[in-house]
C-alpha atoms as a PDB file:
ATOM      1  CA  MET A   1     134.758  38.252 100.347  1.00  0.00           C
ATOM      2  CA  GLU A   2     136.587  37.137  97.446  1.00  0.00           C
ATOM      3  CA  ARG A   3     133.088  35.700  96.336  1.00  0.00           C
ATOM      4  CA  GLN A   4     131.662  38.658  96.843  1.00  0.00           C
ATOM      5  CA  GLN A   5     134.140  40.336  94.433  1.00  0.00           C
ATOM      6  CA  GLN A   6     133.714  37.610  91.782  1.00  0.00           C
ATOM      7  CA  GLN A   7     130.099  38.402  91.569  1.00  0.00           C
ATOM      8  CA  VAL A   8     130.786  41.934  91.341  1.00  0.00           C
ATOM      9  CA  ALA A   9     132.499  41.706  88.099  1.00  0.00           C
ATOM     10  CA  PRO A  10     130.125  40.467  85.959  1.00  0.00           C
ATOM     11  CA  VAL A  11     128.010  43.107  86.784  1.00  0.00           C
ATOM     12  CA  ALA A  12     130.773  45.721  86.056  1.00  0.00           C
ATOM     13  CA  GLN A  13     131.467  44.282  83.216  1.00  0.00           C
ATOM     14  CA  GLU A  14     127.403  44.149  82.220  1.00  0.00           C
ATOM     15  CA  GLN A  15     127.800  48.061  83.207  1.00  0.00           C
ATOM     16  CA  LEU A  16     130.917  48.735  80.783  1.00  0.00           C
ATOM     17  CA  ASP A  17     129.418  46.957  78.129  1.00  0.00           C
ATOM     18  CA  ILE A  18     126.352  48.973  78.721  1.00  0.00           C
ATOM     19  CA  GLU A  19     128.035  52.399  77.940  1.00  0.00           C
ATOM     20  CA  ASP A  20     129.957  51.185  75.494  1.00  0.00           C
ATOM     21  CA  SER A  21     127.211  50.256  73.323  1.00  0.00           C
ATOM     22  CA  MET A  22     125.773  53.499  74.448  1.00  0.00           C
ATOM     23  CA  LYS A  23     128.831  55.005  73.289  1.00  0.00           C
ATOM     24  CA  HIS A  24     128.810  53.770  70.016  1.00  0.00           C
ATOM     25  CA  CYS A  25     125.260  54.391  68.918  1.00  0.00           C
ATOM     26  CA  PHE A  26     126.005  58.430  69.774  1.00  0.00           C
ATOM     27  CA  GLU A  27     129.068  58.348  67.982  1.00  0.00           C
ATOM     28  CA  ASN A  28     126.741  57.481  65.132  1.00  0.00           C
ATOM     29  CA  LEU A  29     124.228  60.396  65.466  1.00  0.00           C
ATOM     30  CA  ILE A  30     125.491  63.098  63.692  1.00  0.00           C
ATOM     31  CA  VAL A  31     125.159  66.563  64.866  1.00  0.00           C
ATOM     32  CA  ILE A  32     126.264  69.797  64.108  1.00  0.00           C
ATOM     33  CA  ASP A  33     126.705  73.153  65.862  1.00  0.00           C
ATOM     34  CA  VAL A  34     126.798  75.427  63.621  1.00  0.00           C
ATOM     35  CA  GLY A  35     127.237  78.673  66.595  1.00  0.00           C
ATOM     36  CA  ALA A  36     129.394  78.381  69.610  1.00  0.00           C
ATOM     37  CA  ASN A  37     130.937  81.444  71.067  1.00  0.00           C
ATOM     38  CA  LEU A  38     134.004  79.715  72.550  1.00  0.00           C
ATOM     39  CA  THR A  39     135.929  82.364  71.816  1.00  0.00           C
ATOM     40  CA  ASN A  40     134.054  83.972  74.626  1.00  0.00           C
ATOM     41  CA  LYS A  41     135.678  83.758  77.935  1.00  0.00           C
ATOM     42  CA  LYS A  42     133.605  81.902  80.246  1.00  0.00           C
ATOM     43  CA  TYR A  43     135.340  79.258  78.571  1.00  0.00           C
ATOM     44  CA  SER A  44     138.930  80.244  79.108  1.00  0.00           C
ATOM     45  CA  ARG A  45     139.758  77.822  82.290  1.00  0.00           C
ATOM     46  CA  ASP A  46     138.202  74.938  80.636  1.00  0.00           C
ATOM     47  CA  LEU A  47     137.564  74.774  77.171  1.00  0.00           C
ATOM     48  CA  ASP A  48     139.062  71.359  76.705  1.00  0.00           C
ATOM     49  CA  SER A  49     136.799  69.868  79.086  1.00  0.00           C
ATOM     50  CA  VAL A  50     134.148  71.744  77.019  1.00  0.00           C
ATOM     51  CA  VAL A  51     134.718  70.209  73.714  1.00  0.00           C
ATOM     52  CA  GLN A  52     134.996  66.710  75.028  1.00  0.00           C
ATOM     53  CA  ARG A  53     131.345  67.120  76.299  1.00  0.00           C
ATOM     54  CA  ALA A  54     130.000  68.477  72.995  1.00  0.00           C
ATOM     55  CA  ARG A  55     131.335  64.984  71.722  1.00  0.00           C
ATOM     56  CA  ASP A  56     130.340  62.908  74.597  1.00  0.00           C
ATOM     57  CA  ALA A  57     127.120  64.179  73.846  1.00  0.00           C
ATOM     58  CA  GLY A  58     127.290  63.826  70.451  1.00  0.00           C
ATOM     59  CA  VAL A  59     127.710  66.826  68.593  1.00  0.00           C
ATOM     60  CA  GLN A  60     130.508  65.921  66.607  1.00  0.00           C
ATOM     61  CA  LYS A  61     131.582  69.264  64.618  1.00  0.00           C
ATOM     62  CA  LEU A  62     131.438  72.967  66.011  1.00  0.00           C
ATOM     63  CA  MET A  63     131.829  76.420  64.076  1.00  0.00           C
ATOM     64  CA  VAL A  64     132.698  78.762  66.458  1.00  0.00           C
ATOM     65  CA  HIS A  65     132.061  82.295  64.978  1.00  0.00           C
ATOM     66  CA  GLY A  66     134.380  85.479  65.055  1.00  0.00           C
ATOM     67  CA  THR A  67     131.973  88.391  65.959  1.00  0.00           C
ATOM     68  CA  SER A  68     134.869  91.139  65.535  1.00  0.00           C
ATOM     69  CA  VAL A  69     138.429  90.954  64.317  1.00  0.00           C
ATOM     70  CA  LYS A  70     140.126  90.202  67.582  1.00  0.00           C
ATOM     71  CA  SER A  71     137.095  87.232  68.233  1.00  0.00           C
ATOM     72  CA  SER A  72     137.529  85.714  64.566  1.00  0.00           C
ATOM     73  CA  LYS A  73     141.137  85.647  64.980  1.00  0.00           C
ATOM     74  CA  GLU A  74     140.882  83.400  68.227  1.00  0.00           C
ATOM     75  CA  ALA A  75     138.259  81.622  66.117  1.00  0.00           C
ATOM     76  CA  LEU A  76     140.790  81.093  63.286  1.00  0.00           C
ATOM     77  CA  ARG A  77     143.115  79.482  66.525  1.00  0.00           C
ATOM     78  CA  LEU A  78     140.895  77.841  67.809  1.00  0.00           C
ATOM     79  CA  SER A  79     140.081  75.502  64.639  1.00  0.00           C
ATOM     80  CA  ARG A  80     143.808  74.982  64.175  1.00  0.00           C
ATOM     81  CA  ILE A  81     144.253  73.646  67.888  1.00  0.00           C
ATOM     82  CA  TYR A  82     141.293  71.665  67.658  1.00  0.00           C
ATOM     83  CA  PRO A  83     141.210  69.986  63.670  1.00  0.00           C
ATOM     84  CA  ASP A  84     138.318  67.958  62.100  1.00  0.00           C
ATOM     85  CA  ILE A  85     135.826  69.098  65.403  1.00  0.00           C
ATOM     86  CA  ILE A  86     135.972  72.802  65.316  1.00  0.00           C
ATOM     87  CA  TYR A  87     135.701  74.975  62.394  1.00  0.00           C
ATOM     88  CA  SER A  88     135.606  78.937  62.346  1.00  0.00           C
ATOM     89  CA  THR A  89     134.039  82.040  60.949  1.00  0.00           C
ATOM     90  CA  ALA A  90     135.304  85.389  60.334  1.00  0.00           C
ATOM     91  CA  GLY A  91     132.389  88.352  60.838  1.00  0.00           C
ATOM     92  CA  ILE A  92     132.388  91.653  62.190  1.00  0.00           C
ATOM     93  CA  HIS A  93     129.221  91.820  64.343  1.00  0.00           C
ATOM     94  CA  PRO A  94     126.342  94.468  63.763  1.00  0.00           C
ATOM     95  CA  HIS A  95     127.319  95.753  67.865  1.00  0.00           C
ATOM     96  CA  ASP A  96     130.689  96.024  66.421  1.00  0.00           C
ATOM     97  CA  SER A  97     130.333  97.941  62.938  1.00  0.00           C
ATOM     98  CA  LYS A  98     131.902 100.986  64.554  1.00  0.00           C
ATOM     99  CA  SER A  99     134.925  99.587  64.981  1.00  0.00           C
ATOM    100  CA  ILE A 100     135.886  98.697  61.700  1.00  0.00           C
ATOM    101  CA  VAL A 101     135.215 102.709  60.859  1.00  0.00           C
ATOM    102  CA  GLU A 102     136.967 103.908  64.143  1.00  0.00           C
ATOM    103  CA  GLU A 103     140.120 101.780  62.985  1.00  0.00           C
ATOM    104  CA  PRO A 104     140.220 101.055  59.149  1.00  0.00           C
ATOM    105  CA  SER A 105     143.600  99.524  58.945  1.00  0.00           C
ATOM    106  CA  THR A 106     141.783  96.097  60.931  1.00  0.00           C
ATOM    107  CA  TRP A 107     139.794  95.437  57.769  1.00  0.00           C
ATOM    108  CA  PHE A 108     142.985  94.294  55.877  1.00  0.00           C
ATOM    109  CA  ASP A 109     143.348  91.973  58.868  1.00  0.00           C
ATOM    110  CA  PHE A 110     140.195  90.423  58.840  1.00  0.00           C
ATOM    111  CA  GLU A 111     140.297  90.078  55.198  1.00  0.00           C
ATOM    112  CA  HIS A 112     143.418  88.079  56.102  1.00  0.00           C
ATOM    113  CA  ILE A 113     141.853  85.483  58.479  1.00  0.00           C
ATOM    114  CA  ALA A 114     138.309  85.334  56.235  1.00  0.00           C
ATOM    115  CA  GLN A 115     140.346  83.614  53.637  1.00  0.00           C
ATOM    116  CA  ALA A 116     142.049  81.152  55.593  1.00  0.00           C
ATOM    117  CA  GLN A 117     141.202  77.349  54.926  1.00  0.00           C
ATOM    118  CA  GLU A 118     139.456  76.412  58.340  1.00  0.00           C
ATOM    119  CA  CYS A 119     137.131  79.607  57.837  1.00  0.00           C
ATOM    120  CA  VAL A 120     133.949  78.227  56.324  1.00  0.00           C
ATOM    121  CA  ALA A 121     131.599  80.894  56.570  1.00  0.00           C
ATOM    122  CA  ILE A 122     131.198  85.000  56.667  1.00  0.00           C
ATOM    123  CA  GLY A 123     129.613  86.176  59.029  1.00  0.00           C
ATOM    124  CA  PRO A 124     127.572  86.473  61.623  1.00  0.00           C
ATOM    125  CA  CYS A 125     127.106  90.208  59.533  1.00  0.00           C
ATOM    126  CA  GLY A 126     123.786  91.864  59.319  1.00  0.00           C
ATOM    127  CA  LEU A 127     121.219  94.570  61.043  1.00  0.00           C
ATOM    128  CA  ASP A 128     120.526  95.123  64.538  1.00  0.00           C
ATOM    129  CA  TYR A 129     118.400  97.644  65.634  1.00  0.00           C
ATOM    130  CA  GLN A 130     117.339  96.379  68.856  1.00  0.00           C
ATOM    131  CA  ARG A 131     120.690  98.494  70.136  1.00  0.00           C
ATOM    132  CA  ASP A 132     122.275 100.976  69.466  1.00  0.00           C
ATOM    133  CA  PHE A 133     125.929  99.504  69.770  1.00  0.00           C
ATOM    134  CA  SER A 134     126.835 100.966  66.519  1.00  0.00           C
ATOM    135  CA  GLU A 135     124.490 103.558  64.305  1.00  0.00           C
ATOM    136  CA  PRO A 136     122.334 101.739  61.507  1.00  0.00           C
ATOM    137  CA  ASP A 137     124.042 103.720  58.712  1.00  0.00           C
ATOM    138  CA  VAL A 138     127.406 102.280  59.781  1.00  0.00           C
ATOM    139  CA  GLN A 139     126.031  98.923  59.901  1.00  0.00           C
ATOM    140  CA  LYS A 140     124.822  99.048  56.739  1.00  0.00           C
ATOM    141  CA  GLN A 141     128.593 100.420  55.103  1.00  0.00           C
ATOM    142  CA  ILE A 142     129.980  97.493  57.289  1.00  0.00           C
ATOM    143  CA  PHE A 143     127.136  94.476  56.438  1.00  0.00           C
ATOM    144  CA  ALA A 144     127.770  95.203  52.752  1.00  0.00           C
ATOM    145  CA  LYS A 145     131.557  95.059  52.667  1.00  0.00           C
ATOM    146  CA  GLN A 146     131.393  91.599  53.999  1.00  0.00           C
ATOM    147  CA  LEU A 147     128.789  90.369  51.609  1.00  0.00           C
ATOM    148  CA  HIS A 148     131.193  91.730  48.883  1.00  0.00           C
ATOM    149  CA  LEU A 149     134.016  89.578  51.061  1.00  0.00           C
ATOM    150  CA  ALA A 150     131.913  86.308  50.968  1.00  0.00           C
ATOM    151  CA  ILE A 151     131.000  86.777  47.324  1.00  0.00           C
ATOM    152  CA  HIS A 152     134.564  87.282  46.174  1.00  0.00           C
ATOM    153  CA  LEU A 153     135.739  84.228  48.620  1.00  0.00           C
ATOM    154  CA  LYS A 154     132.272  82.138  47.330  1.00  0.00           C
ATOM    155  CA  LYS A 155     132.112  81.618  51.432  1.00  0.00           C
ATOM    156  CA  PRO A 156     128.341  81.106  53.060  1.00  0.00           C
ATOM    157  CA  LEU A 157     127.237  84.053  54.724  1.00  0.00           C
ATOM    158  CA  LEU A 158     125.745  84.075  57.951  1.00  0.00           C
ATOM    159  CA  ILE A 159     122.904  86.333  58.407  1.00  0.00           C
ATOM    160  CA  HIS A 160     122.204  88.386  62.280  1.00  0.00           C
ATOM    161  CA  GLU A 161     118.974  90.304  61.960  1.00  0.00           C
ATOM    162  CA  ARG A 162     117.463  92.085  64.966  1.00  0.00           C
ATOM    163  CA  SER A 163     113.934  94.064  63.905  1.00  0.00           C
ATOM    164  CA  ALA A 164     115.509  94.695  60.874  1.00  0.00           C
ATOM    165  CA  GLN A 165     114.132  92.617  58.374  1.00  0.00           C
ATOM    166  CA  HIS A 166     113.579  95.166  55.304  1.00  0.00           C
ATOM    167  CA  ASP A 167     116.627  96.547  55.176  1.00  0.00           C
ATOM    168  CA  VAL A 168     118.219  93.348  55.468  1.00  0.00           C
ATOM    169  CA  LEU A 169     116.850  92.235  52.459  1.00  0.00           C
ATOM    170  CA  GLU A 170     116.868  95.739  50.594  1.00  0.00           C
ATOM    171  CA  ILE A 171     120.575  95.472  51.108  1.00  0.00           C
ATOM    172  CA  LEU A 172     120.774  91.602  49.966  1.00  0.00           C
ATOM    173  CA  ASP A 173     118.883  92.385  46.819  1.00  0.00           C
ATOM    174  CA  LYS A 174     120.964  94.408  45.493  1.00  0.00           C
ATOM    175  CA  PHE A 175     124.205  91.532  45.670  1.00  0.00           C
ATOM    176  CA  GLU A 176     124.005  89.172  42.193  1.00  0.00           C
ATOM    177  CA  ASN A 177     125.843  86.049  43.040  1.00  0.00           C
ATOM    178  CA  LEU A 178     124.941  85.377  46.627  1.00  0.00           C
ATOM    179  CA  PRO A 179     126.827  82.213  47.820  1.00  0.00           C
ATOM    180  CA  PRO A 180     124.273  80.741  50.523  1.00  0.00           C
ATOM    181  CA  VAL A 181     122.735  82.504  52.742  1.00  0.00           C
ATOM    182  CA  ILE A 182     122.155  81.329  56.558  1.00  0.00           C
ATOM    183  CA  ILE A 183     119.269  83.607  59.503  1.00  0.00           C
ATOM    184  CA  ARG A 184     121.511  82.566  62.181  1.00  0.00           C
ATOM    185  CA  GLY A 185     119.774  82.255  65.629  1.00  0.00           C
ATOM    186  CA  PHE A 186     116.384  82.818  64.160  1.00  0.00           C
ATOM    187  CA  MET A 187     114.008  84.796  66.231  1.00  0.00           C
ATOM    188  CA  GLY A 188     110.794  86.483  64.233  1.00  0.00           C
ATOM    189  CA  THR A 189     107.734  85.400  63.262  1.00  0.00           C
ATOM    190  CA  ALA A 190     106.429  83.139  61.085  1.00  0.00           C
ATOM    191  CA  GLU A 191     105.586  84.982  58.236  1.00  0.00           C
ATOM    192  CA  GLU A 192     109.307  86.866  58.556  1.00  0.00           C
ATOM    193  CA  ALA A 193     110.571  83.430  58.156  1.00  0.00           C
ATOM    194  CA  LEU A 194     108.576  82.771  54.767  1.00  0.00           C
ATOM    195  CA  LYS A 195     110.030  85.717  53.094  1.00  0.00           C
ATOM    196  CA  TYR A 196     113.692  84.025  53.721  1.00  0.00           C
ATOM    197  CA  LEU A 197     111.971  80.716  52.568  1.00  0.00           C
ATOM    198  CA  ASP A 198     111.010  81.960  49.527  1.00  0.00           C
ATOM    199  CA  ARG A 199     114.325  83.512  48.619  1.00  0.00           C
ATOM    200  CA  ARG A 200     115.404  79.535  49.640  1.00  0.00           C
ATOM    201  CA  PHE A 201     117.676  80.786  52.240  1.00  0.00           C
ATOM    202  CA  TYR A 202     118.425  78.831  55.430  1.00  0.00           C
ATOM    203  CA  ILE A 203     117.489  78.945  58.620  1.00  0.00           C
ATOM    204  CA  SER A 204     119.043  78.281  61.895  1.00  0.00           C
ATOM    205  CA  LEU A 205     117.275  77.472  65.491  1.00  0.00           C
ATOM    206  CA  THR A 206     118.832  77.776  69.101  1.00  0.00           C
ATOM    207  CA  GLY A 207     117.423  77.070  72.700  1.00  0.00           C
ATOM    208  CA  TYR A 208     115.274  80.440  71.766  1.00  0.00           C
ATOM    209  CA  LEU A 209     112.616  77.526  71.079  1.00  0.00           C
ATOM    210  CA  CYS A 210     111.883  77.630  75.288  1.00  0.00           C
ATOM    211  CA  LYS A 211     111.239  81.291  75.434  1.00  0.00           C
ATOM    212  CA  ASP A 212     108.817  81.898  72.808  1.00  0.00           C
ATOM    213  CA  LYS A 213     105.505  82.140  74.086  1.00  0.00           C
ATOM    214  CA  SER A 214     103.861  83.610  70.761  1.00  0.00           C
ATOM    215  CA  ASP A 215     101.108  82.550  68.462  1.00  0.00           C
ATOM    216  CA  THR A 216     103.296  83.542  65.168  1.00  0.00           C
ATOM    217  CA  GLY A 217     106.538  82.682  65.725  1.00  0.00           C
ATOM    218  CA  VAL A 218     109.101  79.505  65.806  1.00  0.00           C
ATOM    219  CA  ARG A 219     107.264  77.181  67.230  1.00  0.00           C
ATOM    220  CA  ARG A 220     104.443  77.561  65.496  1.00  0.00           C
ATOM    221  CA  LEU A 221     107.023  77.974  62.295  1.00  0.00           C
ATOM    222  CA  LEU A 222     107.832  74.163  63.118  1.00  0.00           C
ATOM    223  CA  ASP A 223     104.179  73.270  64.419  1.00  0.00           C
ATOM    224  CA  ASN A 224     102.651  73.602  60.882  1.00  0.00           C
ATOM    225  CA  GLY A 225     105.593  72.608  58.795  1.00  0.00           C
ATOM    226  CA  THR A 226     106.636  75.496  57.394  1.00  0.00           C
ATOM    227  CA  LEU A 227     110.261  74.870  57.985  1.00  0.00           C
ATOM    228  CA  PRO A 228     111.037  72.662  55.795  1.00  0.00           C
ATOM    229  CA  LEU A 229     114.376  70.188  56.863  1.00  0.00           C
ATOM    230  CA  ASP A 230     116.242  70.723  54.374  1.00  0.00           C
ATOM    231  CA  ARG A 231     116.837  74.376  54.974  1.00  0.00           C
ATOM    232  CA  LEU A 232     116.644  74.124  58.791  1.00  0.00           C
ATOM    233  CA  LEU A 233     120.025  74.279  61.140  1.00  0.00           C
ATOM    234  CA  VAL A 234     120.789  74.083  64.465  1.00  0.00           C
ATOM    235  CA  GLU A 235     123.067  75.985  66.987  1.00  0.00           C
ATOM    236  CA  THR A 236     123.585  76.886  70.636  1.00  0.00           C
ATOM    237  CA  ASP A 237     124.930  80.224  70.962  1.00  0.00           C
ATOM    238  CA  ALA A 238     126.476  78.936  73.645  1.00  0.00           C
ATOM    239  CA  PRO A 239     127.677  80.643  76.217  1.00  0.00           C
ATOM    240  CA  PHE A 240     124.037  82.062  75.455  1.00  0.00           C
ATOM    241  CA  MET A 241     120.475  80.821  74.589  1.00  0.00           C
ATOM    242  CA  TYR A 242     120.352  78.058  77.350  1.00  0.00           C
ATOM    243  CA  PRO A 243     117.616  75.963  76.811  1.00  0.00           C
ATOM    244  CA  ASN A 244     115.169  75.676  79.880  1.00  0.00           C
ATOM    245  CA  THR A 245     113.405  72.883  79.107  1.00  0.00           C
ATOM    246  CA  ARG A 246     111.533  73.303  82.654  1.00  0.00           C
ATOM    247  CA  ALA A 247     109.722  76.418  80.925  1.00  0.00           C
ATOM    248  CA  SER A 248     105.817  76.365  81.644  1.00  0.00           C
ATOM    249  CA  LYS A 249     104.522  77.461  78.235  1.00  0.00           C
ATOM    250  CA  LEU A 250     106.992  74.404  76.549  1.00  0.00           C
ATOM    251  CA  PRO A 251     104.294  71.334  75.753  1.00  0.00           C
ATOM    252  CA  GLN A 252     103.960  68.813  77.512  1.00  0.00           C
ATOM    253  CA  HIS A 253     104.549  66.656  74.379  1.00  0.00           C
ATOM    254  CA  VAL A 254     107.959  68.387  73.637  1.00  0.00           C
ATOM    255  CA  LYS A 255     109.056  68.402  77.596  1.00  0.00           C
ATOM    256  CA  SER A 256     108.410  64.209  77.319  1.00  0.00           C
ATOM    257  CA  GLY A 257     110.249  64.014  74.249  1.00  0.00           C
ATOM    258  CA  ILE A 258     113.515  64.823  75.731  1.00  0.00           C
ATOM    259  CA  THR A 259     115.883  62.241  76.289  1.00  0.00           C
ATOM    260  CA  GLU A 260     117.179  61.197  80.416  1.00  0.00           C
ATOM    261  CA  ARG A 261     120.642  61.933  78.356  1.00  0.00           C
ATOM    262  CA  SER A 262     120.240  64.910  77.033  1.00  0.00           C
ATOM    263  CA  LEU A 263     118.885  66.376  79.947  1.00  0.00           C
ATOM    264  CA  LEU A 264     121.863  64.866  82.196  1.00  0.00           C
ATOM    265  CA  TYR A 265     124.271  67.341  79.884  1.00  0.00           C
ATOM    266  CA  LEU A 266     122.068  69.712  80.018  1.00  0.00           C
ATOM    267  CA  HIS A 267     121.498  69.921  83.772  1.00  0.00           C
ATOM    268  CA  ARG A 268     125.122  68.612  84.695  1.00  0.00           C
ATOM    269  CA  TYR A 269     126.904  70.986  82.879  1.00  0.00           C
ATOM    270  CA  CYS A 270     124.396  74.018  81.341  1.00  0.00           C
ATOM    271  CA  THR A 271     123.580  76.914  83.178  1.00  0.00           C
ATOM    272  CA  PHE A 272     121.721  79.936  82.583  1.00  0.00           C
ATOM    273  CA  GLN A 273     124.799  81.872  82.613  1.00  0.00           C
ATOM    274  CA  ARG A 274     126.778  79.406  80.366  1.00  0.00           C
ATOM    275  CA  ASN A 275     125.290  77.591  78.692  1.00  0.00           C
ATOM    276  CA  GLU A 276     127.358  74.600  76.411  1.00  0.00           C
ATOM    277  CA  PRO A 277     127.038  73.025  72.943  1.00  0.00           C
ATOM    278  CA  CYS A 278     126.337  69.617  74.855  1.00  0.00           C
ATOM    279  CA  SER A 279     123.022  70.869  75.063  1.00  0.00           C
ATOM    280  CA  LEU A 280     122.176  71.054  71.493  1.00  0.00           C
ATOM    281  CA  PRO A 281     120.908  67.155  71.690  1.00  0.00           C
ATOM    282  CA  ALA A 282     118.534  68.669  73.490  1.00  0.00           C
ATOM    283  CA  ILE A 283     117.268  71.538  71.418  1.00  0.00           C
ATOM    284  CA  VAL A 284     117.324  68.570  68.339  1.00  0.00           C
ATOM    285  CA  GLU A 285     114.654  66.733  70.232  1.00  0.00           C
ATOM    286  CA  MET A 286     112.529  69.883  71.305  1.00  0.00           C
ATOM    287  CA  ILE A 287     112.247  70.689  67.498  1.00  0.00           C
ATOM    288  CA  ALA A 288     112.116  67.013  66.334  1.00  0.00           C
ATOM    289  CA  ALA A 289     108.919  67.227  68.159  1.00  0.00           C
ATOM    290  CA  PHE A 290     107.513  70.306  67.735  1.00  0.00           C
ATOM    291  CA  MET A 291     108.039  68.987  63.860  1.00  0.00           C
ATOM    292  CA  LYS A 292     106.149  65.509  65.055  1.00  0.00           C
ATOM    293  CA  LYS A 293     109.478  63.863  63.500  1.00  0.00           C
ATOM    294  CA  THR A 294     112.053  61.372  64.970  1.00  0.00           C
ATOM    295  CA  PRO A 295     115.172  63.117  66.616  1.00  0.00           C
ATOM    296  CA  ASP A 296     117.510  61.109  64.029  1.00  0.00           C
ATOM    297  CA  GLU A 297     115.442  62.718  61.060  1.00  0.00           C
ATOM    298  CA  VAL A 298     116.059  66.446  62.130  1.00  0.00           C
ATOM    299  CA  ALA A 299     119.890  65.206  63.651  1.00  0.00           C
ATOM    300  CA  LEU A 300     120.839  63.873  59.822  1.00  0.00           C
ATOM    301  CA  ALA A 301     119.191  66.466  57.945  1.00  0.00           C
ATOM    302  CA  THR A 302     120.522  69.280  59.822  1.00  0.00           C
ATOM    303  CA  ALA A 303     124.100  67.367  59.593  1.00  0.00           C
ATOM    304  CA  PHE A 304     123.750  66.833  56.201  1.00  0.00           C
ATOM    305  CA  ASN A 305     123.035  70.846  55.487  1.00  0.00           C
ATOM    306  CA  ALA A 306     125.897  71.941  57.915  1.00  0.00           C
ATOM    307  CA  LEU A 307     128.365  69.640  56.274  1.00  0.00           C
ATOM    308  CA  LYS A 308     126.880  70.437  52.441  1.00  0.00           C
ATOM    309  CA  LEU A 309     126.656  74.520  53.019  1.00  0.00           C
ATOM    310  CA  PHE A 310     130.180  74.240  55.154  1.00  0.00           C
ATOM    311  CA  GLY A 311     132.029  72.092  53.594  1.00  0.00           C
ATOM    312  CA  LEU A 312     133.211  70.255  56.814  1.00  0.00           C
ATOM    313  CA  SER A 313     135.210  66.553  56.462  1.00  0.00           C
END
């Protein structure tokens, strides 16, 4: 019995050494999620575990989006609970635009939140014509107010756009001295992306890669080299946009590019109903496969872009 214990001990120690080595490796791989909706009620019971899993998976920093006055305030609160890990944004999502019109006094609360040091960007804001939660004219009005605020505060802009590129660009073109602009959660065509890139805007991608089956969409953008690394950011949009790596239309070389470690976090902790930030490494690896680059190249470039744009410490 004693001899058996002596034999087991070296094996156990070897396993610990491997785990420590792997942990060190991934601590050095900087991946930054520039869009997670951690104020969502789906995380109300286990947020600590969600944040820790993200860190363990290699996600060093998270930007939590505010999409209304209430959620912007909550995102700011989270950035103070998890300093140097979570950073917040303050935005009025197009869907929520009418709330500011209905309660104008809440705009002053929003401005106060946006001024906080931990708030590193204004948005998501913009136009969404796919759903009619707020009238287009109301969306345009509140979008313009947030543009003025971002220019005044000199904070980057996170733009949400769905079936509204012409109007978004028309409004943006009216403003001078715009801060850096990020088209977040991009789901458009390669042609639409070029219009943004021509203006030196940044584009942020999500697990939508797995859903895009068109010949003119996001995959083409990566395949043909249209999207340069110095204009790319990555996000999970958790709890939404689950990256379904088993999708039938996902090319085999992309599936093969996802490491077992990333798949472990993805399949163990994420579902279609609740995606988590720990899925980001899998998204980065898929992007790298489409771009014919290494995951390290994509991880480091997107992290550098995020650090530079948002002034993350």
